[in-house]
Amino acid sequence: ELVDAAHVARITIRRFLSGEKVSEGTIEAIAKAL
């Protein structure tokens, strides 16, 4: 659901939740979806 709402790749979501760094655009997309 988060992948669909944020239009972010599943692997990027997992990278984020695993504690890896992600881009500003990714953060904004995830926050907007949530």
PDB file of all heavy atoms in Angstrom:
ATOM      1  N   GLU A   1       0.828  -1.203   0.000  1.00  0.00           N
ATOM      2  CA  GLU A   1       0.000   0.000   0.000  1.00  0.00           C
ATOM      3  C   GLU A   1       0.862   1.253   0.000  1.00  0.00           C
ATOM      4  O   GLU A   1       0.549   2.237  -0.677  1.00  0.00           O
ATOM      5  CB  GLU A   1      -0.917  -0.007   1.228  1.00  0.00           C
ATOM      6  CG  GLU A   1      -2.045  -1.029   1.135  1.00  0.00           C
ATOM      7  CD  GLU A   1      -2.766  -1.236   2.456  1.00  0.00           C
ATOM      8  OE1 GLU A   1      -2.229  -0.809   3.514  1.00  0.00           O
ATOM      9  OE2 GLU A   1      -3.857  -1.833   2.437  1.00  0.00           O
ATOM     10  N   LEU A   2       1.966   1.221   0.758  1.00  0.00           N
ATOM     11  CA  LEU A   2       2.855   2.379   0.796  1.00  0.00           C
ATOM     12  C   LEU A   2       3.575   2.566  -0.537  1.00  0.00           C
ATOM     13  O   LEU A   2       3.757   3.691  -1.005  1.00  0.00           O
ATOM     14  CB  LEU A   2       3.867   2.222   1.934  1.00  0.00           C
ATOM     15  CG  LEU A   2       4.794   3.411   2.194  1.00  0.00           C
ATOM     16  CD1 LEU A   2       4.000   4.697   2.385  1.00  0.00           C
ATOM     17  CD2 LEU A   2       5.678   3.146   3.405  1.00  0.00           C
ATOM     18  N   VAL A   3       3.979   1.473  -1.153  1.00  0.00           N
ATOM     19  CA  VAL A   3       4.606   1.541  -2.485  1.00  0.00           C
ATOM     20  C   VAL A   3       3.665   2.201  -3.480  1.00  0.00           C
ATOM     21  O   VAL A   3       4.056   3.095  -4.242  1.00  0.00           O
ATOM     22  CB  VAL A   3       5.006   0.124  -2.967  1.00  0.00           C
ATOM     23  CG1 VAL A   3       5.340   0.134  -4.453  1.00  0.00           C
ATOM     24  CG2 VAL A   3       6.195  -0.398  -2.168  1.00  0.00           C
ATOM     25  N   ASP A   4       2.405   1.779  -3.477  1.00  0.00           N
ATOM     26  CA  ASP A   4       1.420   2.331  -4.411  1.00  0.00           C
ATOM     27  C   ASP A   4       1.125   3.800  -4.123  1.00  0.00           C
ATOM     28  O   ASP A   4       1.006   4.623  -5.039  1.00  0.00           O
ATOM     29  CB  ASP A   4       0.123   1.522  -4.350  1.00  0.00           C
ATOM     30  CG  ASP A   4       0.282   0.124  -4.913  1.00  0.00           C
ATOM     31  OD1 ASP A   4       1.259  -0.101  -5.656  1.00  0.00           O
ATOM     32  OD2 ASP A   4      -0.553  -0.749  -4.600  1.00  0.00           O
ATOM     33  N   ALA A   5       0.984   4.143  -2.848  1.00  0.00           N
ATOM     34  CA  ALA A   5       0.607   5.509  -2.484  1.00  0.00           C
ATOM     35  C   ALA A   5       1.745   6.497  -2.685  1.00  0.00           C
ATOM     36  O   ALA A   5       1.526   7.649  -3.077  1.00  0.00           O
ATOM     37  CB  ALA A   5       0.136   5.550  -1.023  1.00  0.00           C
ATOM     38  N   ALA A   6       2.979   6.054  -2.421  1.00  0.00           N
ATOM     39  CA  ALA A   6       4.125   6.960  -2.501  1.00  0.00           C
ATOM     40  C   ALA A   6       4.811   6.921  -3.866  1.00  0.00           C
ATOM     41  O   ALA A   6       5.646   7.780  -4.161  1.00  0.00           O
ATOM     42  CB  ALA A   6       5.143   6.617  -1.402  1.00  0.00           C
ATOM     43  N   HIS A   7       4.465   5.921  -4.682  1.00  0.00           N
ATOM     44  CA  HIS A   7       5.131   5.731  -5.988  1.00  0.00           C
ATOM     45  C   HIS A   7       6.643   5.609  -5.788  1.00  0.00           C
ATOM     46  O   HIS A   7       7.443   6.226  -6.492  1.00  0.00           O
ATOM     47  CB  HIS A   7       4.805   6.887  -6.942  1.00  0.00           C
ATOM     48  CG  HIS A   7       3.344   7.093  -7.160  1.00  0.00           C
ATOM     49  ND1 HIS A   7       2.550   6.203  -7.856  1.00  0.00           N
ATOM     50  CD2 HIS A   7       2.512   8.076  -6.722  1.00  0.00           C
ATOM     51  CE1 HIS A   7       1.299   6.630  -7.875  1.00  0.00           C
ATOM     52  NE2 HIS A   7       1.247   7.764  -7.186  1.00  0.00           N
ATOM     53  N   VAL A   8       7.001   4.804  -4.797  1.00  0.00           N
ATOM     54  CA  VAL A   8       8.400   4.536  -4.464  1.00  0.00           C
ATOM     55  C   VAL A   8       8.618   3.037  -4.549  1.00  0.00           C
ATOM     56  O   VAL A   8       7.741   2.254  -4.172  1.00  0.00           O
ATOM     57  CB  VAL A   8       8.726   5.050  -3.034  1.00  0.00           C
ATOM     58  CG1 VAL A   8      10.127   4.636  -2.618  1.00  0.00           C
ATOM     59  CG2 VAL A   8       8.601   6.566  -2.976  1.00  0.00           C
ATOM     60  N   ALA A   9       9.779   2.628  -5.053  1.00  0.00           N
ATOM     61  CA  ALA A   9      10.058   1.206  -5.214  1.00  0.00           C
ATOM     62  C   ALA A   9      10.049   0.491  -3.868  1.00  0.00           C
ATOM     63  O   ALA A   9      10.462   1.041  -2.849  1.00  0.00           O
ATOM     64  CB  ALA A   9      11.416   1.015  -5.893  1.00  0.00           C
ATOM     65  N   ARG A  10       9.592  -0.749  -3.877  1.00  0.00           N
ATOM     66  CA  ARG A  10       9.531  -1.542  -2.648  1.00  0.00           C
ATOM     67  C   ARG A  10      10.906  -1.651  -1.989  1.00  0.00           C
ATOM     68  O   ARG A  10      11.023  -1.565  -0.771  1.00  0.00           O
ATOM     69  CB  ARG A  10       8.984  -2.938  -2.966  1.00  0.00           C
ATOM     70  CG  ARG A  10       8.709  -3.783  -1.728  1.00  0.00           C
ATOM     71  CD  ARG A  10       8.207  -5.176  -2.131  1.00  0.00           C
ATOM     72  NE  ARG A  10       7.938  -6.003  -0.959  1.00  0.00           N
ATOM     73  CZ  ARG A  10       6.772  -6.087  -0.352  1.00  0.00           C
ATOM     74  NH1 ARG A  10       5.768  -5.372  -0.789  1.00  0.00           N
ATOM     75  NH2 ARG A  10       6.607  -6.870   0.698  1.00  0.00           N
ATOM     76  N   ILE A  11      11.954  -1.840  -2.814  1.00  0.00           N
ATOM     77  CA  ILE A  11      13.300  -1.979  -2.250  1.00  0.00           C
ATOM     78  C   ILE A  11      13.731  -0.694  -1.553  1.00  0.00           C
ATOM     79  O   ILE A  11      14.467  -0.714  -0.562  1.00  0.00           O
ATOM     80  CB  ILE A  11      14.321  -2.376  -3.359  1.00  0.00           C
ATOM     81  CG1 ILE A  11      15.689  -2.672  -2.752  1.00  0.00           C
ATOM     82  CG2 ILE A  11      14.434  -1.262  -4.398  1.00  0.00           C
ATOM     83  CD1 ILE A  11      15.707  -3.829  -1.781  1.00  0.00           C
ATOM     84  N   THR A  12      13.258   0.461  -2.053  1.00  0.00           N
ATOM     85  CA  THR A  12      13.594   1.735  -1.413  1.00  0.00           C
ATOM     86  C   THR A  12      12.901   1.859  -0.063  1.00  0.00           C
ATOM     87  O   THR A  12      13.493   2.339   0.906  1.00  0.00           O
ATOM     88  CB  THR A  12      13.198   2.908  -2.327  1.00  0.00           C
ATOM     89  OG1 THR A  12      13.814   2.734  -3.601  1.00  0.00           O
ATOM     90  CG2 THR A  12      13.642   4.239  -1.736  1.00  0.00           C
ATOM     91  N   ILE A  13      11.629   1.421  -0.004  1.00  0.00           N
ATOM     92  CA  ILE A  13      10.918   1.410   1.276  1.00  0.00           C
ATOM     93  C   ILE A  13      11.670   0.530   2.265  1.00  0.00           C
ATOM     94  O   ILE A  13      11.863   0.885   3.434  1.00  0.00           O
ATOM     95  CB  ILE A  13       9.477   0.892   1.115  1.00  0.00           C
ATOM     96  CG1 ILE A  13       8.683   1.769   0.134  1.00  0.00           C
ATOM     97  CG2 ILE A  13       8.781   0.802   2.469  1.00  0.00           C
ATOM     98  CD1 ILE A  13       8.378   3.150   0.633  1.00  0.00           C
ATOM     99  N   ARG A  14      12.119  -0.629   1.817  1.00  0.00           N
ATOM    100  CA  ARG A  14      12.846  -1.534   2.713  1.00  0.00           C
ATOM    101  C   ARG A  14      14.179  -0.928   3.141  1.00  0.00           C
ATOM    102  O   ARG A  14      14.594  -1.069   4.293  1.00  0.00           O
ATOM    103  CB  ARG A  14      13.080  -2.889   2.034  1.00  0.00           C
ATOM    104  CG  ARG A  14      13.777  -3.861   2.966  1.00  0.00           C
ATOM    105  CD  ARG A  14      13.620  -5.290   2.539  1.00  0.00           C
ATOM    106  NE  ARG A  14      12.234  -5.719   2.485  1.00  0.00           N
ATOM    107  CZ  ARG A  14      11.483  -5.934   3.546  1.00  0.00           C
ATOM    108  NH1 ARG A  14      11.966  -5.716   4.753  1.00  0.00           N
ATOM    109  NH2 ARG A  14      10.245  -6.325   3.419  1.00  0.00           N
ATOM    110  N   ARG A  15      14.857  -0.246   2.215  1.00  0.00           N
ATOM    111  CA  ARG A  15      16.116   0.414   2.583  1.00  0.00           C
ATOM    112  C   ARG A  15      15.872   1.422   3.695  1.00  0.00           C
ATOM    113  O   ARG A  15      16.625   1.507   4.657  1.00  0.00           O
ATOM    114  CB  ARG A  15      16.716   1.138   1.368  1.00  0.00           C
ATOM    115  CG  ARG A  15      17.402   0.252   0.346  1.00  0.00           C
ATOM    116  CD  ARG A  15      17.950   1.115  -0.787  1.00  0.00           C
ATOM    117  NE  ARG A  15      18.872   2.110  -0.272  1.00  0.00           N
ATOM    118  CZ  ARG A  15      19.068   3.309  -0.823  1.00  0.00           C
ATOM    119  NH1 ARG A  15      18.376   3.676  -1.889  1.00  0.00           N
ATOM    120  NH2 ARG A  15      19.928   4.145  -0.296  1.00  0.00           N
ATOM    121  N   PHE A  16      14.794   2.177   3.543  1.00  0.00           N
ATOM    122  CA  PHE A  16      14.458   3.196   4.545  1.00  0.00           C
ATOM    123  C   PHE A  16      14.204   2.556   5.908  1.00  0.00           C
ATOM    124  O   PHE A  16      14.736   2.981   6.926  1.00  0.00           O
ATOM    125  CB  PHE A  16      13.237   3.982   4.070  1.00  0.00           C
ATOM    126  CG  PHE A  16      12.678   4.930   5.101  1.00  0.00           C
ATOM    127  CD1 PHE A  16      13.341   6.100   5.407  1.00  0.00           C
ATOM    128  CD2 PHE A  16      11.512   4.632   5.774  1.00  0.00           C
ATOM    129  CE1 PHE A  16      12.840   6.973   6.366  1.00  0.00           C
ATOM    130  CE2 PHE A  16      11.004   5.491   6.726  1.00  0.00           C
ATOM    131  CZ  PHE A  16      11.673   6.670   7.030  1.00  0.00           C
ATOM    132  N   LEU A  17      13.377   1.502   5.931  1.00  0.00           N
ATOM    133  CA  LEU A  17      13.038   0.853   7.192  1.00  0.00           C
ATOM    134  C   LEU A  17      14.214   0.089   7.780  1.00  0.00           C
ATOM    135  O   LEU A  17      14.243  -0.183   8.979  1.00  0.00           O
ATOM    136  CB  LEU A  17      11.845  -0.086   6.996  1.00  0.00           C
ATOM    137  CG  LEU A  17      10.506   0.601   6.741  1.00  0.00           C
ATOM    138  CD1 LEU A  17       9.440  -0.419   6.384  1.00  0.00           C
ATOM    139  CD2 LEU A  17      10.078   1.408   7.952  1.00  0.00           C
ATOM    140  N   SER A  18      15.191  -0.267   6.941  1.00  0.00           N
ATOM    141  CA  SER A  18      16.373  -0.968   7.433  1.00  0.00           C
ATOM    142  C   SER A  18      17.431  -0.013   7.979  1.00  0.00           C
ATOM    143  O   SER A  18      18.466  -0.444   8.461  1.00  0.00           O
ATOM    144  CB  SER A  18      16.991  -1.812   6.307  1.00  0.00           C
ATOM    145  OG  SER A  18      16.097  -2.793   5.874  1.00  0.00           O
ATOM    146  N   GLY A  19      17.168   1.295   7.854  1.00  0.00           N
ATOM    147  CA  GLY A  19      18.106   2.257   8.418  1.00  0.00           C
ATOM    148  C   GLY A  19      19.091   2.817   7.412  1.00  0.00           C
ATOM    149  O   GLY A  19      20.022   3.536   7.780  1.00  0.00           O
ATOM    150  N   GLU A  20      18.930   2.490   6.114  1.00  0.00           N
ATOM    151  CA  GLU A  20      19.817   3.059   5.102  1.00  0.00           C
ATOM    152  C   GLU A  20      19.317   4.449   4.720  1.00  0.00           C
ATOM    153  O   GLU A  20      18.164   4.803   4.949  1.00  0.00           O
ATOM    154  CB  GLU A  20      19.860   2.147   3.873  1.00  0.00           C
ATOM    155  CG  GLU A  20      20.384   0.751   4.180  1.00  0.00           C
ATOM    156  CD  GLU A  20      20.401  -0.123   2.940  1.00  0.00           C
ATOM    157  OE1 GLU A  20      20.726   0.397   1.853  1.00  0.00           O
ATOM    158  OE2 GLU A  20      20.059  -1.312   3.056  1.00  0.00           O
ATOM    159  N   LYS A  21      20.206   5.240   4.122  1.00  0.00           N
ATOM    160  CA  LYS A  21      19.837   6.593   3.735  1.00  0.00           C
ATOM    161  C   LYS A  21      19.063   6.596   2.414  1.00  0.00           C
ATOM    162  O   LYS A  21      19.308   5.772   1.533  1.00  0.00           O
ATOM    163  CB  LYS A  21      21.084   7.467   3.618  1.00  0.00           C
ATOM    164  CG  LYS A  21      21.778   7.697   4.958  1.00  0.00           C
ATOM    165  CD  LYS A  21      22.912   8.692   4.826  1.00  0.00           C
ATOM    166  CE  LYS A  21      23.502   9.011   6.202  1.00  0.00           C
ATOM    167  NZ  LYS A  21      24.553  10.057   6.126  1.00  0.00           N
ATOM    168  N   VAL A  22      18.120   7.514   2.304  1.00  0.00           N
ATOM    169  CA  VAL A  22      17.337   7.666   1.083  1.00  0.00           C
ATOM    170  C   VAL A  22      17.254   9.145   0.737  1.00  0.00           C
ATOM    171  O   VAL A  22      17.568  10.008   1.543  1.00  0.00           O
ATOM    172  CB  VAL A  22      15.912   7.082   1.246  1.00  0.00           C
ATOM    173  CG1 VAL A  22      15.963   5.585   1.432  1.00  0.00           C
ATOM    174  CG2 VAL A  22      15.190   7.727   2.427  1.00  0.00           C
ATOM    175  N   SER A  23      16.826   9.445  -0.490  1.00  0.00           N
ATOM    176  CA  SER A  23      16.850  10.817  -0.971  1.00  0.00           C
ATOM    177  C   SER A  23      15.745  11.667  -0.367  1.00  0.00           C
ATOM    178  O   SER A  23      14.751  11.165   0.166  1.00  0.00           O
ATOM    179  CB  SER A  23      16.718  10.838  -2.500  1.00  0.00           C
ATOM    180  OG  SER A  23      15.402  10.480  -2.873  1.00  0.00           O
ATOM    181  N   GLU A  24      15.928  12.983  -0.491  1.00  0.00           N
ATOM    182  CA  GLU A  24      14.926  13.932   0.005  1.00  0.00           C
ATOM    183  C   GLU A  24      13.589  13.713  -0.686  1.00  0.00           C
ATOM    184  O   GLU A  24      12.526  13.761  -0.060  1.00  0.00           O
ATOM    185  CB  GLU A  24      15.420  15.363  -0.235  1.00  0.00           C
ATOM    186  CG  GLU A  24      14.451  16.432   0.230  1.00  0.00           C
ATOM    187  CD  GLU A  24      14.988  17.833  -0.032  1.00  0.00           C
ATOM    188  OE1 GLU A  24      16.221  18.008  -0.053  1.00  0.00           O
ATOM    189  OE2 GLU A  24      14.180  18.738  -0.210  1.00  0.00           O
ATOM    190  N   GLY A  25      13.627  13.474  -1.998  1.00  0.00           N
ATOM    191  CA  GLY A  25      12.387  13.250  -2.736  1.00  0.00           C
ATOM    192  C   GLY A  25      11.637  12.027  -2.231  1.00  0.00           C
ATOM    193  O   GLY A  25      10.407  12.020  -2.156  1.00  0.00           O
ATOM    194  N   THR A  26      12.395  10.980  -1.877  1.00  0.00           N
ATOM    195  CA  THR A  26      11.777   9.773  -1.338  1.00  0.00           C
ATOM    196  C   THR A  26      11.104  10.057  -0.006  1.00  0.00           C
ATOM    197  O   THR A  26       9.973   9.631   0.247  1.00  0.00           O
ATOM    198  CB  THR A  26      12.831   8.669  -1.166  1.00  0.00           C
ATOM    199  OG1 THR A  26      13.328   8.289  -2.460  1.00  0.00           O
ATOM    200  CG2 THR A  26      12.239   7.447  -0.476  1.00  0.00           C
ATOM    201  N   ILE A  27      11.800  10.798   0.858  1.00  0.00           N
ATOM    202  CA  ILE A  27      11.236  11.137   2.166  1.00  0.00           C
ATOM    203  C   ILE A  27       9.942  11.927   1.998  1.00  0.00           C
ATOM    204  O   ILE A  27       8.936  11.672   2.669  1.00  0.00           O
ATOM    205  CB  ILE A  27      12.242  11.961   2.996  1.00  0.00           C
ATOM    206  CG1 ILE A  27      13.458  11.109   3.353  1.00  0.00           C
ATOM    207  CG2 ILE A  27      11.588  12.505   4.258  1.00  0.00           C
ATOM    208  CD1 ILE A  27      13.157   9.922   4.212  1.00  0.00           C
ATOM    209  N   GLU A  28       9.948  12.909   1.100  1.00  0.00           N
ATOM    210  CA  GLU A  28       8.746  13.718   0.887  1.00  0.00           C
ATOM    211  C   GLU A  28       7.595  12.865   0.363  1.00  0.00           C
ATOM    212  O   GLU A  28       6.443  13.048   0.759  1.00  0.00           O
ATOM    213  CB  GLU A  28       9.057  14.861  -0.082  1.00  0.00           C
ATOM    214  CG  GLU A  28       9.957  15.938   0.546  1.00  0.00           C
ATOM    215  CD  GLU A  28      10.266  17.073  -0.409  1.00  0.00           C
ATOM    216  OE1 GLU A  28      10.385  16.792  -1.628  1.00  0.00           O
ATOM    217  OE2 GLU A  28      10.387  18.222   0.042  1.00  0.00           O
ATOM    218  N   ALA A  29       7.904  11.906  -0.525  1.00  0.00           N
ATOM    219  CA  ALA A  29       6.854  11.050  -1.090  1.00  0.00           C
ATOM    220  C   ALA A  29       6.257  10.138  -0.024  1.00  0.00           C
ATOM    221  O   ALA A  29       5.035   9.949   0.040  1.00  0.00           O
ATOM    222  CB  ALA A  29       7.429  10.212  -2.234  1.00  0.00           C
ATOM    223  N   ILE A  30       7.110   9.563   0.828  1.00  0.00           N
ATOM    224  CA  ILE A  30       6.626   8.674   1.888  1.00  0.00           C
ATOM    225  C   ILE A  30       5.788   9.465   2.889  1.00  0.00           C
ATOM    226  O   ILE A  30       4.707   9.033   3.301  1.00  0.00           O
ATOM    227  CB  ILE A  30       7.810   7.984   2.595  1.00  0.00           C
ATOM    228  CG1 ILE A  30       8.504   7.013   1.636  1.00  0.00           C
ATOM    229  CG2 ILE A  30       7.346   7.249   3.845  1.00  0.00           C
ATOM    230  CD1 ILE A  30       9.768   6.391   2.191  1.00  0.00           C
ATOM    231  N   ALA A  31       6.290  10.641   3.279  1.00  0.00           N
ATOM    232  CA  ALA A  31       5.564  11.461   4.256  1.00  0.00           C
ATOM    233  C   ALA A  31       4.203  11.886   3.699  1.00  0.00           C
ATOM    234  O   ALA A  31       3.192  11.852   4.412  1.00  0.00           O
ATOM    235  CB  ALA A  31       6.395  12.687   4.629  1.00  0.00           C
ATOM    236  N   LYS A  32       4.169  12.258   2.431  1.00  0.00           N
ATOM    237  CA  LYS A  32       2.896  12.681   1.821  1.00  0.00           C
ATOM    238  C   LYS A  32       1.908  11.521   1.813  1.00  0.00           C
ATOM    239  O   LYS A  32       0.714  11.703   2.099  1.00  0.00           O
ATOM    240  CB  LYS A  32       3.147  13.188   0.399  1.00  0.00           C
ATOM    241  CG  LYS A  32       1.886  13.701  -0.289  1.00  0.00           C
ATOM    242  CD  LYS A  32       2.204  14.244  -1.688  1.00  0.00           C
ATOM    243  CE  LYS A  32       0.936  14.748  -2.375  1.00  0.00           C
ATOM    244  NZ  LYS A  32       1.211  15.250  -3.736  1.00  0.00           N
ATOM    245  N   ALA A  33       2.391  10.326   1.482  1.00  0.00           N
ATOM    246  CA  ALA A  33       1.509   9.158   1.443  1.00  0.00           C
ATOM    247  C   ALA A  33       0.948   8.833   2.824  1.00  0.00           C
ATOM    248  O   ALA A  33      -0.195   8.400   2.959  1.00  0.00           O
ATOM    249  CB  ALA A  33       2.264   7.952   0.885  1.00  0.00           C
ATOM    250  N   LEU A  34       1.753   9.079   3.854  1.00  0.00           N
ATOM    251  CA  LEU A  34       1.330   8.783   5.223  1.00  0.00           C
ATOM    252  C   LEU A  34       0.573   9.949   5.866  1.00  0.00           C
ATOM    253  O   LEU A  34       0.123   9.837   7.004  1.00  0.00           O
ATOM    254  CB  LEU A  34       2.549   8.438   6.081  1.00  0.00           C
ATOM    255  CG  LEU A  34       3.308   7.163   5.691  1.00  0.00           C
ATOM    256  CD1 LEU A  34       4.568   7.024   6.511  1.00  0.00           C
ATOM    257  CD2 LEU A  34       2.430   5.941   5.871  1.00  0.00           C
TER     258      LEU A  34
END
